[in-house]
């Protein structure tokens, strides 16, 4: 077979294919349209089913949530009741413990007061004895001090008397000396006056 024959045969095949191609394309387009319609219907049905399922799930969820709320309320009420009972019991125990503690503290405070009173009485007694002893010591010391001061004052008086007597003697001697000097001065003055009278 020559090349021309091959080309002629190929052209015939191509022309045959081209002649049937529009019909095939139209058929494919029709099938595509049908598939689109079917898909639209299926999708719409799925949407409806999904909406129904979601609505059913919402209802179930609402019912379960309502039941759960009721259970929680009941549980919370029961828990509050138990806690209230426990708190009441705890309050009673605390009151009893506080009463017992107050009683023990009262007894201890009373005992402590008695001990303090006894200790204060003993301390007052010891302080009284010490103060009495201190007064006696002070009296004795004051008496001894008065005696020593009296002796010192007497000795001082004697010394002062001696000093005064000595001072009087010294003053007398000084006065006599001064008088003697005055007499000498007067005698000399009289002699001078006599001499002056003679010279005139």
Protein backbone atom coordinates (compact mmCIF):
# COMPACT_ATOMS: atom_id res chain seq x y z
CA UNK A 1 0.00 0.00 0.00
CA UNK A 2 1.35 3.35 -1.00
CA UNK A 3 1.58 6.46 1.06
CA UNK A 4 -1.22 8.14 -0.81
CA UNK A 5 -3.49 5.20 -0.23
CA UNK A 6 -2.63 5.28 3.46
CA UNK A 7 -3.39 8.98 3.66
CA UNK A 8 -6.64 8.51 1.78
CA UNK A 9 -7.66 5.72 4.15
CA UNK A 10 -6.69 7.83 7.17
CA UNK A 11 -8.74 10.73 5.86
CA UNK A 12 -11.73 8.44 5.54
CA UNK A 13 -11.33 7.26 9.09
CA UNK A 14 -10.99 10.83 10.35
CA UNK A 15 -14.02 11.94 8.39
CA UNK A 16 -16.04 9.03 9.81
CA UNK A 17 -14.93 9.89 13.33
CA UNK A 18 -15.67 13.59 12.80
CA UNK A 19 -19.12 12.69 11.45
CA UNK A 20 -20.00 10.65 14.54
CA UNK A 21 -18.22 12.95 17.04
CA UNK A 22 -21.06 15.51 17.47
CA UNK A 23 -23.54 12.76 18.25
CA UNK A 24 -21.16 11.25 20.76
CA UNK A 25 -20.51 14.66 22.35
CA UNK A 26 -24.25 15.32 22.54
CA UNK A 27 -24.77 11.89 24.09
CA UNK A 28 -22.01 12.58 26.62
CA UNK A 29 -23.49 15.97 27.44
CA UNK A 30 -26.90 14.38 27.96
CA UNK A 31 -25.34 11.78 30.23
CA UNK A 32 -23.51 14.56 32.13
CA UNK A 33 -26.79 16.43 32.55
CA UNK A 34 -28.47 13.28 33.82
CA UNK A 35 -25.59 12.67 36.23
CA UNK A 36 -25.81 16.27 37.43
CA UNK A 37 -29.54 15.90 38.07
CA UNK A 38 -28.99 12.62 39.86
CA UNK A 39 -26.20 14.16 41.93
CA UNK A 40 -28.39 17.16 42.77
CA UNK A 41 -31.15 14.83 43.86
CA UNK A 42 -28.75 12.70 45.87
CA UNK A 43 -27.18 15.79 47.48
CA UNK A 44 -30.62 17.23 48.29
CA UNK A 45 -31.63 13.88 49.79
CA UNK A 46 -28.40 13.72 51.78
CA UNK A 47 -28.99 17.25 53.02
CA UNK A 48 -32.49 16.34 54.15
CA UNK A 49 -31.20 13.19 55.82
CA UNK A 50 -28.39 15.18 57.48
CA UNK A 51 -30.84 17.83 58.67
CA UNK A 52 -33.12 15.14 60.04
CA UNK A 53 -30.22 13.38 61.74
CA UNK A 54 -28.96 16.68 63.20
CA UNK A 55 -32.46 17.57 64.45
CA UNK A 56 -32.77 14.11 66.00
CA UNK A 57 -29.31 14.45 67.56
CA UNK A 58 -30.23 17.89 68.91
CA UNK A 59 -33.39 16.49 70.47
CA UNK A 60 -31.46 13.58 71.95
CA UNK A 61 -28.76 15.97 73.21
CA UNK A 62 -31.39 18.27 74.71
CA UNK A 63 -33.06 15.32 76.41
CA UNK A 64 -29.75 14.01 77.71
CA UNK A 65 -28.72 17.51 78.92
CA UNK A 66 -32.08 17.95 80.68
CA UNK A 67 -31.69 14.53 82.32
CA UNK A 68 -28.08 15.38 83.25
CA UNK A 69 -29.22 18.68 84.75
CA UNK A 70 -31.83 16.88 86.82
CA UNK A 71 -29.24 14.35 87.96
CA UNK A 72 -26.80 17.15 88.82
CA UNK A 73 -29.50 19.05 90.71
CA UNK A 74 -30.42 15.92 92.63
CA UNK A 75 -26.76 15.16 93.32
CA UNK A 76 -26.10 18.77 94.39
CA UNK A 77 -29.15 18.67 96.67
CA UNK A 78 -27.96 15.41 98.19
CA UNK A 79 -24.43 16.81 98.53
CA UNK A 80 -25.74 19.99 100.16
CA UNK A 81 -27.77 17.90 102.57
CA UNK A 82 -24.75 15.76 103.48
CA UNK A 83 -22.55 18.85 103.82
CA UNK A 84 -25.19 20.54 105.98
CA UNK A 85 -25.32 17.51 108.26
CA UNK A 86 -21.53 17.34 108.42
CA UNK A 87 -21.28 21.09 109.12
CA UNK A 88 -23.92 20.81 111.87
CA UNK A 89 -22.04 17.87 113.39
CA UNK A 90 -18.76 19.78 113.09
CA UNK A 91 -20.32 22.82 114.78
CA UNK A 92 -21.54 20.65 117.65
CA UNK A 93 -18.09 19.09 118.00
CA UNK A 94 -16.44 22.51 117.91
CA UNK A 95 -18.88 23.87 120.50
CA UNK A 96 -18.22 20.90 122.76
CA UNK A 97 -14.46 21.23 122.23
CA UNK A 98 -14.59 24.98 122.88
CA UNK A 99 -16.65 24.39 126.05
CA UNK A 100 -14.15 21.79 127.25
CA UNK A 101 -11.25 24.09 126.34
CA UNK A 102 -12.86 27.01 128.19
CA UNK A 103 -13.36 24.79 131.23
CA UNK A 104 -9.72 23.65 131.17
CA UNK A 105 -8.51 27.21 130.64
CA UNK A 106 -10.73 28.42 133.50
CA UNK A 107 -9.29 25.78 135.81
CA UNK A 108 -5.75 26.60 134.72
CA UNK A 109 -6.36 30.34 135.14
CA UNK A 110 -7.85 29.77 138.63
CA UNK A 111 -4.86 27.61 139.57
CA UNK A 112 -2.51 30.21 138.13
CA UNK A 113 -4.26 32.96 140.11
CA UNK A 114 -3.89 30.94 143.31
CA UNK A 115 -0.21 30.33 142.56
CA UNK A 116 0.31 34.02 141.79
CA UNK A 117 -1.50 35.05 144.98
CA UNK A 118 0.61 32.65 147.03
CA UNK A 119 3.78 33.82 145.28
CA UNK A 120 2.81 37.47 145.78
CA UNK A 121 2.07 36.81 149.47
CA UNK A 122 5.42 35.07 149.89
CA UNK A 123 7.15 37.86 147.98
CA UNK A 124 5.44 40.51 150.13
CA UNK A 125 6.54 38.65 153.25
CA UNK A 126 10.15 38.41 152.04
CA UNK A 127 10.09 42.06 150.97
CA UNK A 128 8.63 43.06 154.35
CA UNK A 129 11.39 41.18 156.16
CA UNK A 130 14.03 42.66 153.91
CA UNK A 131 12.57 46.16 154.34
CA UNK A 132 12.48 45.73 158.15
CA UNK A 133 16.08 44.49 158.11
CA UNK A 134 17.04 47.36 155.83
CA UNK A 135 15.33 49.85 158.18
CA UNK A 136 17.27 48.42 161.14
CA UNK A 137 20.50 48.60 159.17
CA UNK A 138 19.71 52.17 158.11
CA UNK A 139 18.85 53.17 161.69
CA UNK A 140 22.08 51.63 162.95
CA UNK A 141 24.04 53.26 160.14
CA UNK A 142 22.35 56.62 160.78
CA UNK A 143 23.11 56.31 164.51
CA UNK A 144 26.72 55.47 163.78
CA UNK A 145 26.90 58.30 161.27
CA UNK A 146 25.38 60.74 163.77
CA UNK A 147 27.93 59.61 166.36
CA UNK A 148 30.83 60.07 163.94
CA UNK A 149 29.45 63.42 162.82
CA UNK A 150 29.02 64.50 166.47
CA UNK A 151 32.60 63.56 167.23
CA UNK A 152 33.84 65.31 164.13
CA UNK A 153 31.74 68.41 164.94
CA UNK A 154 33.07 68.44 168.53
CA UNK A 155 36.62 68.08 167.23
CA UNK A 156 35.96 70.81 164.71
CA UNK A 157 34.56 73.07 167.44
CA UNK A 158 37.69 72.49 169.55
CA UNK A 159 39.89 73.25 166.56
CA UNK A 160 37.87 76.38 165.81
CA UNK A 161 38.08 77.49 169.44
CA UNK A 162 41.84 76.96 169.39
CA UNK A 163 42.14 78.80 166.08
CA UNK A 164 39.97 81.65 167.39
CA UNK A 165 42.04 81.91 170.58
CA UNK A 166 45.27 81.88 168.58
CA UNK A 167 43.81 84.47 166.24
CA UNK A 168 42.81 86.66 169.20
CA UNK A 169 46.33 86.43 170.60
CA UNK A 170 47.80 87.31 167.22
CA UNK A 171 45.35 90.22 166.89
CA UNK A 172 46.20 91.45 170.40
CA UNK A 173 49.90 91.26 169.59
CA UNK A 174 49.39 93.09 166.32
CA UNK A 175 47.25 95.75 168.05
CA UNK A 176 49.87 96.22 170.80
CA UNK A 177 52.61 96.50 168.19
CA UNK A 178 50.57 99.04 166.28
CA UNK A 179 49.87 101.02 169.48
CA UNK A 180 53.55 100.99 170.41
CA UNK A 181 54.45 102.26 166.96
CA UNK A 182 51.81 105.00 167.28
CA UNK A 183 53.25 106.00 170.67
CA UNK A 184 56.71 106.16 169.13
CA UNK A 185 55.36 108.24 166.26
CA UNK A 186 53.60 110.60 168.72
CA UNK A 187 56.75 110.84 170.88
CA UNK A 188 58.89 111.64 167.86
CA UNK A 189 56.32 114.19 166.75
CA UNK A 190 56.36 115.82 170.21
CA UNK A 191 60.15 115.99 170.13
CA UNK A 192 60.06 117.58 166.70
CA UNK A 193 57.47 120.10 167.82
CA UNK A 194 59.60 120.97 170.88
CA UNK A 195 62.70 121.41 168.74
CA UNK A 196 60.81 123.61 166.34
CA UNK A 197 59.57 125.73 169.24
CA UNK A 198 63.13 126.14 170.51
CA UNK A 199 64.46 127.15 167.15
CA UNK A 200 62.01 129.95 166.89
